Each structure stands twice: as structure tokens, then as C-alpha cells.
Protein backbone atom coordinates (compact mmCIF):
# COMPACT_ATOMS: atom_id res chain seq x y z
CA MET A 1 90.39 54.01 -18.72
CA ILE A 2 92.68 51.06 -18.87
CA LYS A 3 91.42 48.36 -21.35
CA SER A 4 91.54 44.76 -20.26
CA SER A 5 93.92 42.33 -22.15
CA ASN A 6 90.74 40.64 -23.35
CA ARG A 7 89.35 43.89 -24.64
CA ALA A 8 92.64 44.69 -26.40
CA VAL A 9 92.43 41.22 -28.38
CA VAL A 10 88.96 42.14 -29.65
CA ASP A 11 90.19 45.66 -30.52
CA ARG A 12 93.19 44.40 -32.33
CA MET A 13 90.71 42.17 -34.40
CA PHE A 14 88.44 44.98 -35.26
CA THR A 15 91.41 47.03 -36.42
CA ALA A 16 92.71 44.34 -38.65
CA PHE A 17 89.04 43.79 -39.96
CA ASN A 18 88.63 47.42 -40.73
CA ALA A 19 92.06 47.39 -42.40
CA LYS A 20 91.15 44.07 -44.22
CA ASP A 21 94.56 42.83 -42.90
CA LEU A 22 93.84 38.97 -42.89
CA PRO A 23 97.27 37.94 -41.43
CA ALA A 24 96.66 40.43 -38.58
CA ALA A 25 93.21 39.24 -37.89
CA LEU A 26 94.18 35.58 -37.84
CA THR A 27 96.84 36.38 -35.14
CA THR A 28 93.82 37.26 -32.87
CA VAL A 29 92.21 33.68 -33.02
CA SER A 30 93.19 30.38 -31.62
CA ASP A 31 93.81 27.47 -33.70
CA ASP A 32 90.32 25.84 -32.62
CA THR A 33 88.19 28.98 -32.66
CA LEU A 34 84.69 28.79 -33.59
CA TRP A 35 82.65 31.59 -35.10
CA ILE A 36 78.88 31.30 -35.34
CA HIS A 37 76.60 33.80 -37.24
CA HIS A 38 73.26 33.05 -36.14
CA GLY A 39 71.85 34.56 -39.35
CA SER A 40 69.38 37.39 -39.90
CA GLN A 41 66.35 37.95 -42.17
CA LYS A 42 68.80 38.23 -45.18
CA MET A 43 71.85 36.37 -44.21
CA PRO A 44 72.13 32.70 -43.55
CA SER A 45 73.32 31.01 -40.26
CA VAL A 46 76.85 29.90 -40.75
CA ARG A 47 79.41 28.12 -38.46
CA PHE A 48 83.04 28.70 -39.15
CA GLU A 49 85.21 26.14 -37.46
CA GLY A 50 88.89 26.37 -36.57
CA LYS A 51 91.52 28.93 -37.90
CA SER A 52 90.66 27.90 -41.52
CA GLY A 53 87.03 28.64 -40.89
CA ALA A 54 88.05 32.10 -39.48
CA GLU A 55 90.11 32.56 -42.47
CA GLN A 56 86.99 31.96 -44.68
CA PHE A 57 85.10 34.51 -42.47
CA PHE A 58 87.50 37.26 -42.81
CA GLY A 59 88.24 36.47 -46.42
CA THR A 60 84.56 36.54 -47.51
CA SER A 61 84.11 39.77 -45.39
CA PHE A 62 87.27 41.40 -47.21
CA THR A 63 86.60 40.35 -50.73
CA ALA A 64 82.51 39.83 -51.07
CA MET A 65 81.48 42.86 -49.05
CA LYS A 66 81.70 46.44 -49.68
CA ILE A 67 81.29 47.92 -46.25
CA ASP A 68 79.67 51.34 -45.84
CA TYR A 69 80.13 51.48 -42.18
CA PHE A 70 80.97 48.97 -39.25
CA ARG A 71 80.52 50.41 -35.94
CA PRO A 72 81.20 48.65 -32.70
CA LEU A 73 79.05 50.98 -30.28
CA THR A 74 79.04 49.33 -26.75
CA PHE A 75 81.48 47.13 -24.97
CA ILE A 76 80.48 44.82 -22.00
CA GLU A 77 83.39 42.80 -20.20
CA GLN A 78 82.68 39.99 -17.68
CA GLY A 79 85.41 37.48 -17.11
CA ASP A 80 86.49 35.86 -20.30
CA LYS A 81 83.61 37.40 -22.36
CA ILE A 82 83.45 40.55 -24.20
CA VAL A 83 80.03 41.59 -25.52
CA VAL A 84 79.94 44.12 -28.36
CA ILE A 85 76.77 45.72 -29.48
CA GLY A 86 77.00 47.40 -32.92
CA GLU A 87 75.70 48.11 -36.52
CA GLU A 88 76.76 47.89 -39.92
CA SER A 89 75.77 48.59 -43.48
CA TYR A 90 77.27 46.76 -46.56
CA GLU A 91 76.71 45.45 -50.04
CA MET A 92 77.50 41.88 -50.58
CA ASP A 93 78.19 40.00 -54.02
CA GLY A 94 75.22 38.00 -54.93
CA ILE A 95 72.44 39.90 -52.94
CA ASP A 96 70.69 42.94 -54.48
CA GLY A 97 70.85 46.19 -52.58
CA PRO A 98 72.42 47.43 -49.51
CA LEU A 99 72.14 45.42 -46.18
CA SER A 100 71.98 46.93 -42.72
CA ASN A 101 72.19 45.05 -39.42
CA LYS A 102 72.06 45.80 -35.85
CA TRP A 103 74.01 43.00 -33.95
CA VAL A 104 75.35 41.67 -30.72
CA GLN A 105 78.70 39.74 -30.79
CA VAL A 106 79.89 37.76 -27.67
CA TYR A 107 83.55 36.93 -27.87
CA THR A 108 85.15 34.48 -25.58
CA ILE A 109 88.85 34.95 -24.90
CA THR A 110 91.01 32.01 -23.88
CA GLY A 111 94.87 32.24 -23.50
CA GLY A 112 94.85 35.64 -25.02
CA LEU A 113 93.09 34.70 -28.21
CA ILE A 114 89.56 34.63 -29.42
CA SER A 115 88.36 31.01 -29.06
CA LYS A 116 84.66 31.70 -29.91
CA MET A 117 82.61 34.46 -31.53
CA GLU A 118 78.76 34.29 -31.76
CA GLU A 119 76.83 37.00 -33.61
CA PHE A 120 73.10 37.51 -33.26
CA ALA A 121 71.88 39.98 -35.83
CA THR A 122 68.74 41.58 -37.34
CA SER A 123 68.31 43.13 -40.71
CA ALA A 124 64.75 43.99 -40.20
CA ASP A 125 63.97 47.66 -41.01
CA PRO A 126 63.28 49.62 -37.75
CA THR A 127 60.16 51.02 -39.61
CA SER A 128 58.80 47.47 -39.93
CA TYR A 129 58.49 46.87 -36.23
CA MET A 130 55.04 46.52 -34.83
CA ILE A 131 54.46 49.13 -32.03
CA VAL A 132 52.71 48.05 -28.93
CA LYS A 133 51.58 50.55 -26.42
């Protein structure tokens, strides 16, 4: 399967993220990139604006988080959008205990760079879900 150039940009960013390689991660984002984490039950909603905001996003992830696993599981491509469904588990400075999230990240690629990322996540324990039959 041949990957699109848009998917390749997101893959390069994930490779840099997993390697904690800040310079490489920043080469995948536009100068005016916007990263929005819409929050979860345990993490606040945050907007990271511009390349300096992306640098803060990656820097915090690399220094304040001890990642147990980060798994992009499913990729959906349509035009300039790459939607990634995944899961992660990590510990973060200032928060007691491990955090686990299931997430959807929507990447917009413009001119070969990530111009926007929005993450929608839940940290709810799957056993806490009400079951309706």
C-alpha cells in the first residue's frame, strides 16, 4: 500500500514524537499551526498556537510525561485530513497515578505540513460506562 504524502507527514511526526526528537517534530508543522486538545476527564482543554505553541506541546510531552504506550491504531484519509484513532497510557508530573486515554486526532495538512491538529479524548475507565440494552 502506498501512503499519501499527507499520511507521510503525520507518520514523520509520530516517529519524531516517539523518539522525543523536538527538532524533527517541529519540521512537520507550519509556522501558523494550531494544536487543540479538547481535554478529558483528567486533562484540561488547551490550545497551542503557532510553531512556538507546538514546541510547548512537544516539549511538555517529552519532559513532563513518562509514556508507557502510545498507539495510533487506525488511519482514515480524506483530502487534506488524516484522522487517527488511538490509545495511550502515561504518567504526568503533578498528577497522581497513571493516565490512560482513548483518542481521535484530526490532522489538517497544508502545503506538506501539519497546519492543525485537534484531539478528542476520554480518560474514562471502560468499566465505568453505563450499559444500555
